[in-house]
Amino acid sequence: MTRELTIGEISARSGVSQSALRFYERQGLIAARRTDGNQRRYPSATLRRVALVQAGKAAGIPLERIREALATLPDGKQPTKRDWARLSAEWRAELDERIATLEAVRDRLTSCIGCGCLSLKTCRLLNPDDEAASLGGGAHYLRRVSPRGRGLAQRAR
């Protein structure tokens, strides 16, 4: 039988508050069994799962995506180095996309709002004839856009 830990032990060892652990449990990120006295008992593998949740959160991965990732792991077993490599590789593409968007926003923040509103003097140069309107709503020049709209976004740089 695997060693089980109380919520207090998980909290102390992981650095995550007991209320956060209960939230994670309600969200399906971790699971506990209940004793006859209705106390939570977590398998020791929960420590690594909590660490994985914390790493994902630190990287800005939404809890829904973290839950999906954890669902691919065997119940009651610690995530392995191979599991982490696979999950983090999947998240890396999302992070790269987010970084590219943030860099575009940072680099263009003072020069263009990128919405096709024609309210800035430079919009006549970057978005003649309101070409951005064909891309739909939103600030297309401040985020990654479809291949069709990339030419417009490139001109806006």
C-alpha atoms as a PDB file:
ATOM      1  CA  MET A   1       0.000   0.000   0.000  1.00  0.00           C
ATOM      2  CA  THR A   2       1.327   3.451  -0.886  1.00  0.00           C
ATOM      3  CA  ARG A   3       1.961   5.994   1.818  1.00  0.00           C
ATOM      4  CA  GLU A   4      -0.872   8.450   2.325  1.00  0.00           C
ATOM      5  CA  LEU A   5      -0.586  12.043   3.471  1.00  0.00           C
ATOM      6  CA  THR A   6      -3.010  14.351   5.234  1.00  0.00           C
ATOM      7  CA  ILE A   7      -3.980  17.668   3.716  1.00  0.00           C
ATOM      8  CA  GLY A   8      -1.740  19.373   6.282  1.00  0.00           C
ATOM      9  CA  GLU A   9       1.238  17.259   5.241  1.00  0.00           C
ATOM     10  CA  ILE A  10       0.608  17.920   1.546  1.00  0.00           C
ATOM     11  CA  SER A  11       0.305  21.628   2.285  1.00  0.00           C
ATOM     12  CA  ALA A  12       3.495  21.765   4.357  1.00  0.00           C
ATOM     13  CA  ARG A  13       5.548  19.786   1.845  1.00  0.00           C
ATOM     14  CA  SER A  14       4.219  21.508  -1.293  1.00  0.00           C
ATOM     15  CA  GLY A  15       3.942  25.057   0.046  1.00  0.00           C
ATOM     16  CA  VAL A  16       0.356  25.217  -1.237  1.00  0.00           C
ATOM     17  CA  SER A  17      -2.349  26.303   1.197  1.00  0.00           C
ATOM     18  CA  GLN A  18      -4.941  23.805   2.368  1.00  0.00           C
ATOM     19  CA  SER A  19      -7.709  25.926   0.853  1.00  0.00           C
ATOM     20  CA  ALA A  20      -5.931  25.812  -2.527  1.00  0.00           C
ATOM     21  CA  LEU A  21      -5.594  22.025  -2.219  1.00  0.00           C
ATOM     22  CA  ARG A  22      -9.320  21.710  -1.537  1.00  0.00           C
ATOM     23  CA  PHE A  23      -9.941  23.932  -4.594  1.00  0.00           C
ATOM     24  CA  TYR A  24      -7.666  21.721  -6.713  1.00  0.00           C
ATOM     25  CA  GLU A  25      -9.623  18.718  -5.533  1.00  0.00           C
ATOM     26  CA  ARG A  26     -12.959  20.335  -6.449  1.00  0.00           C
ATOM     27  CA  GLN A  27     -11.497  21.161  -9.872  1.00  0.00           C
ATOM     28  CA  GLY A  28     -10.439  17.544 -10.436  1.00  0.00           C
ATOM     29  CA  LEU A  29      -6.704  18.292 -10.402  1.00  0.00           C
ATOM     30  CA  ILE A  30      -5.977  16.028  -7.437  1.00  0.00           C
ATOM     31  CA  ALA A  31      -7.986  13.377  -5.601  1.00  0.00           C
ATOM     32  CA  ALA A  32      -8.200  12.128  -2.041  1.00  0.00           C
ATOM     33  CA  ARG A  33      -9.936   9.262  -0.381  1.00  0.00           C
ATOM     34  CA  ARG A  34     -11.959   9.858   2.756  1.00  0.00           C
ATOM     35  CA  THR A  35     -11.359   8.032   6.031  1.00  0.00           C
ATOM     36  CA  ASP A  36     -14.189   6.747   8.202  1.00  0.00           C
ATOM     37  CA  GLY A  37     -13.895  10.080  10.039  1.00  0.00           C
ATOM     38  CA  ASN A  38     -14.284  11.939   6.691  1.00  0.00           C
ATOM     39  CA  GLN A  39     -10.678  13.167   6.658  1.00  0.00           C
ATOM     40  CA  ARG A  40      -8.819  13.498   3.378  1.00  0.00           C
ATOM     41  CA  ARG A  41      -5.962  11.132   2.649  1.00  0.00           C
ATOM     42  CA  TYR A  42      -3.827  11.751  -0.429  1.00  0.00           C
ATOM     43  CA  PRO A  43      -1.493   9.260  -2.070  1.00  0.00           C
ATOM     44  CA  SER A  44       2.113  10.469  -1.943  1.00  0.00           C
ATOM     45  CA  ALA A  45       1.986  10.871  -5.751  1.00  0.00           C
ATOM     46  CA  THR A  46      -0.197  13.920  -5.095  1.00  0.00           C
ATOM     47  CA  LEU A  47       2.914  15.924  -4.196  1.00  0.00           C
ATOM     48  CA  ARG A  48       4.219  15.649  -7.758  1.00  0.00           C
ATOM     49  CA  ARG A  49       0.796  16.382  -9.182  1.00  0.00           C
ATOM     50  CA  VAL A  50       0.595  19.535  -7.079  1.00  0.00           C
ATOM     51  CA  ALA A  51       4.091  20.498  -8.255  1.00  0.00           C
ATOM     52  CA  LEU A  52       2.946  19.997 -11.844  1.00  0.00           C
ATOM     53  CA  VAL A  53      -0.100  22.211 -11.221  1.00  0.00           C
ATOM     54  CA  GLN A  54       2.101  24.892  -9.681  1.00  0.00           C
ATOM     55  CA  ALA A  55       4.565  24.761 -12.587  1.00  0.00           C
ATOM     56  CA  GLY A  56       1.728  25.032 -15.088  1.00  0.00           C
ATOM     57  CA  LYS A  57       0.171  27.941 -13.229  1.00  0.00           C
ATOM     58  CA  ALA A  58       3.533  29.725 -13.051  1.00  0.00           C
ATOM     59  CA  ALA A  59       3.780  29.383 -16.837  1.00  0.00           C
ATOM     60  CA  GLY A  60       0.299  30.850 -17.229  1.00  0.00           C
ATOM     61  CA  ILE A  61      -1.349  27.616 -18.346  1.00  0.00           C
ATOM     62  CA  PRO A  62      -5.096  27.686 -17.586  1.00  0.00           C
ATOM     63  CA  LEU A  63      -6.307  25.188 -14.982  1.00  0.00           C
ATOM     64  CA  GLU A  64      -8.527  23.534 -17.594  1.00  0.00           C
ATOM     65  CA  ARG A  65      -5.451  22.682 -19.682  1.00  0.00           C
ATOM     66  CA  ILE A  66      -3.626  21.473 -16.580  1.00  0.00           C
ATOM     67  CA  ARG A  67      -6.598  19.243 -15.697  1.00  0.00           C
ATOM     68  CA  GLU A  68      -6.595  17.831 -19.256  1.00  0.00           C
ATOM     69  CA  ALA A  69      -2.871  17.101 -18.933  1.00  0.00           C
ATOM     70  CA  LEU A  70      -3.266  15.400 -15.561  1.00  0.00           C
ATOM     71  CA  ALA A  71      -6.097  13.279 -16.955  1.00  0.00           C
ATOM     72  CA  THR A  72      -3.574  11.667 -19.319  1.00  0.00           C
ATOM     73  CA  LEU A  73      -1.551  10.350 -16.371  1.00  0.00           C
ATOM     74  CA  PRO A  74      -2.269   7.061 -14.597  1.00  0.00           C
ATOM     75  CA  ASP A  75      -4.289   7.478 -11.389  1.00  0.00           C
ATOM     76  CA  GLY A  76      -2.330   7.124  -8.173  1.00  0.00           C
ATOM     77  CA  LYS A  77       1.083   7.143  -9.841  1.00  0.00           C
ATOM     78  CA  GLN A  78       3.632   9.901  -9.703  1.00  0.00           C
ATOM     79  CA  PRO A  79       4.181  11.818 -12.920  1.00  0.00           C
ATOM     80  CA  THR A  80       7.536  10.759 -14.328  1.00  0.00           C
ATOM     81  CA  LYS A  81      10.266  12.779 -15.982  1.00  0.00           C
ATOM     82  CA  ARG A  82       8.957  11.467 -19.315  1.00  0.00           C
ATOM     83  CA  ASP A  83       5.415  12.603 -18.417  1.00  0.00           C
ATOM     84  CA  TRP A  84       6.697  16.072 -17.566  1.00  0.00           C
ATOM     85  CA  ALA A  85       8.693  16.261 -20.802  1.00  0.00           C
ATOM     86  CA  ARG A  86       5.598  15.392 -22.835  1.00  0.00           C
ATOM     87  CA  LEU A  87       3.285  17.783 -21.002  1.00  0.00           C
ATOM     88  CA  SER A  88       5.735  20.670 -20.967  1.00  0.00           C
ATOM     89  CA  ALA A  89       6.406  20.216 -24.698  1.00  0.00           C
ATOM     90  CA  GLU A  90       2.672  20.557 -25.366  1.00  0.00           C
ATOM     91  CA  TRP A  91       2.524  23.717 -23.255  1.00  0.00           C
ATOM     92  CA  ARG A  92       5.647  25.166 -24.861  1.00  0.00           C
ATOM     93  CA  ALA A  93       3.828  25.918 -28.120  1.00  0.00           C
ATOM     94  CA  GLU A  94       1.161  27.824 -26.190  1.00  0.00           C
ATOM     95  CA  LEU A  95       3.826  29.761 -24.321  1.00  0.00           C
ATOM     96  CA  ASP A  96       5.710  30.555 -27.534  1.00  0.00           C
ATOM     97  CA  GLU A  97       2.480  31.915 -29.052  1.00  0.00           C
ATOM     98  CA  ARG A  98       1.787  34.005 -25.960  1.00  0.00           C
ATOM     99  CA  ILE A  99       5.365  35.333 -25.908  1.00  0.00           C
ATOM    100  CA  ALA A 100       5.132  36.300 -29.599  1.00  0.00           C
ATOM    101  CA  THR A 101       1.875  38.129 -28.944  1.00  0.00           C
ATOM    102  CA  LEU A 102       3.305  39.959 -25.931  1.00  0.00           C
ATOM    103  CA  GLU A 103       6.409  40.934 -27.898  1.00  0.00           C
ATOM    104  CA  ALA A 104       4.232  42.294 -30.704  1.00  0.00           C
ATOM    105  CA  VAL A 105       2.160  44.263 -28.210  1.00  0.00           C
ATOM    106  CA  ARG A 106       5.283  45.604 -26.495  1.00  0.00           C
ATOM    107  CA  ASP A 107       6.990  46.575 -29.748  1.00  0.00           C
ATOM    108  CA  ARG A 108       3.950  48.286 -31.216  1.00  0.00           C
ATOM    109  CA  LEU A 109       2.190  49.571 -28.138  1.00  0.00           C
ATOM    110  CA  THR A 110       2.944  53.243 -28.717  1.00  0.00           C
ATOM    111  CA  SER A 111       2.667  53.263 -32.500  1.00  0.00           C
ATOM    112  CA  CYS A 112      -0.514  51.391 -33.399  1.00  0.00           C
ATOM    113  CA  ILE A 113      -3.590  50.075 -31.704  1.00  0.00           C
ATOM    114  CA  GLY A 114      -4.084  47.731 -34.633  1.00  0.00           C
ATOM    115  CA  CYS A 115      -7.843  47.695 -34.719  1.00  0.00           C
ATOM    116  CA  GLY A 116      -8.564  49.234 -38.121  1.00  0.00           C
ATOM    117  CA  CYS A 117     -10.314  52.218 -36.575  1.00  0.00           C
ATOM    118  CA  LEU A 118      -8.257  54.755 -38.554  1.00  0.00           C
ATOM    119  CA  SER A 119      -8.062  56.960 -35.465  1.00  0.00           C
ATOM    120  CA  LEU A 120      -4.262  57.259 -35.403  1.00  0.00           C
ATOM    121  CA  LYS A 121      -2.351  59.239 -38.022  1.00  0.00           C
ATOM    122  CA  THR A 122      -0.350  56.158 -38.994  1.00  0.00           C
ATOM    123  CA  CYS A 123      -3.454  54.078 -39.694  1.00  0.00           C
ATOM    124  CA  ARG A 124      -3.714  55.671 -43.167  1.00  0.00           C
ATOM    125  CA  LEU A 125      -0.280  54.201 -43.913  1.00  0.00           C
ATOM    126  CA  LEU A 126      -0.611  50.878 -42.137  1.00  0.00           C
ATOM    127  CA  ASN A 127      -4.213  50.125 -42.897  1.00  0.00           C
ATOM    128  CA  PRO A 128      -5.238  51.948 -46.094  1.00  0.00           C
ATOM    129  CA  ASP A 129      -8.873  51.493 -47.044  1.00  0.00           C
ATOM    130  CA  ASP A 130      -9.452  49.796 -43.696  1.00  0.00           C
ATOM    131  CA  GLU A 131      -8.056  46.457 -44.914  1.00  0.00           C
ATOM    132  CA  ALA A 132      -8.033  45.168 -41.335  1.00  0.00           C
ATOM    133  CA  ALA A 133     -11.843  45.148 -41.356  1.00  0.00           C
ATOM    134  CA  SER A 134     -11.717  42.102 -43.650  1.00  0.00           C
ATOM    135  CA  LEU A 135     -10.020  40.171 -40.827  1.00  0.00           C
ATOM    136  CA  GLY A 136     -12.987  40.608 -38.498  1.00  0.00           C
ATOM    137  CA  GLY A 137     -13.155  42.281 -35.119  1.00  0.00           C
ATOM    138  CA  GLY A 138     -10.268  42.835 -32.781  1.00  0.00           C
ATOM    139  CA  ALA A 139      -6.789  44.273 -32.683  1.00  0.00           C
ATOM    140  CA  HIS A 140      -5.240  42.123 -35.406  1.00  0.00           C
ATOM    141  CA  TYR A 141      -1.947  43.951 -35.565  1.00  0.00           C
ATOM    142  CA  LEU A 142      -1.287  43.395 -31.851  1.00  0.00           C
ATOM    143  CA  ARG A 143      -1.697  39.637 -31.924  1.00  0.00           C
ATOM    144  CA  ARG A 144      -0.849  36.840 -34.256  1.00  0.00           C
ATOM    145  CA  VAL A 145      -3.193  36.717 -37.192  1.00  0.00           C
ATOM    146  CA  SER A 146      -4.192  34.264 -39.874  1.00  0.00           C
ATOM    147  CA  PRO A 147      -1.832  33.765 -42.822  1.00  0.00           C
ATOM    148  CA  ARG A 148      -4.194  35.951 -44.886  1.00  0.00           C
ATOM    149  CA  GLY A 149      -3.805  38.813 -42.441  1.00  0.00           C
ATOM    150  CA  ARG A 150      -0.074  38.408 -41.815  1.00  0.00           C
ATOM    151  CA  GLY A 151       0.781  40.647 -44.765  1.00  0.00           C
ATOM    152  CA  LEU A 152      -1.269  43.442 -43.230  1.00  0.00           C
ATOM    153  CA  ALA A 153       0.318  42.861 -39.833  1.00  0.00           C
ATOM    154  CA  GLN A 154       3.808  42.834 -41.368  1.00  0.00           C
ATOM    155  CA  ARG A 155       3.140  46.180 -43.049  1.00  0.00           C
ATOM    156  CA  ALA A 156       1.983  47.553 -39.705  1.00  0.00           C
ATOM    157  CA  ARG A 157       5.371  46.878 -38.127  1.00  0.00           C
END
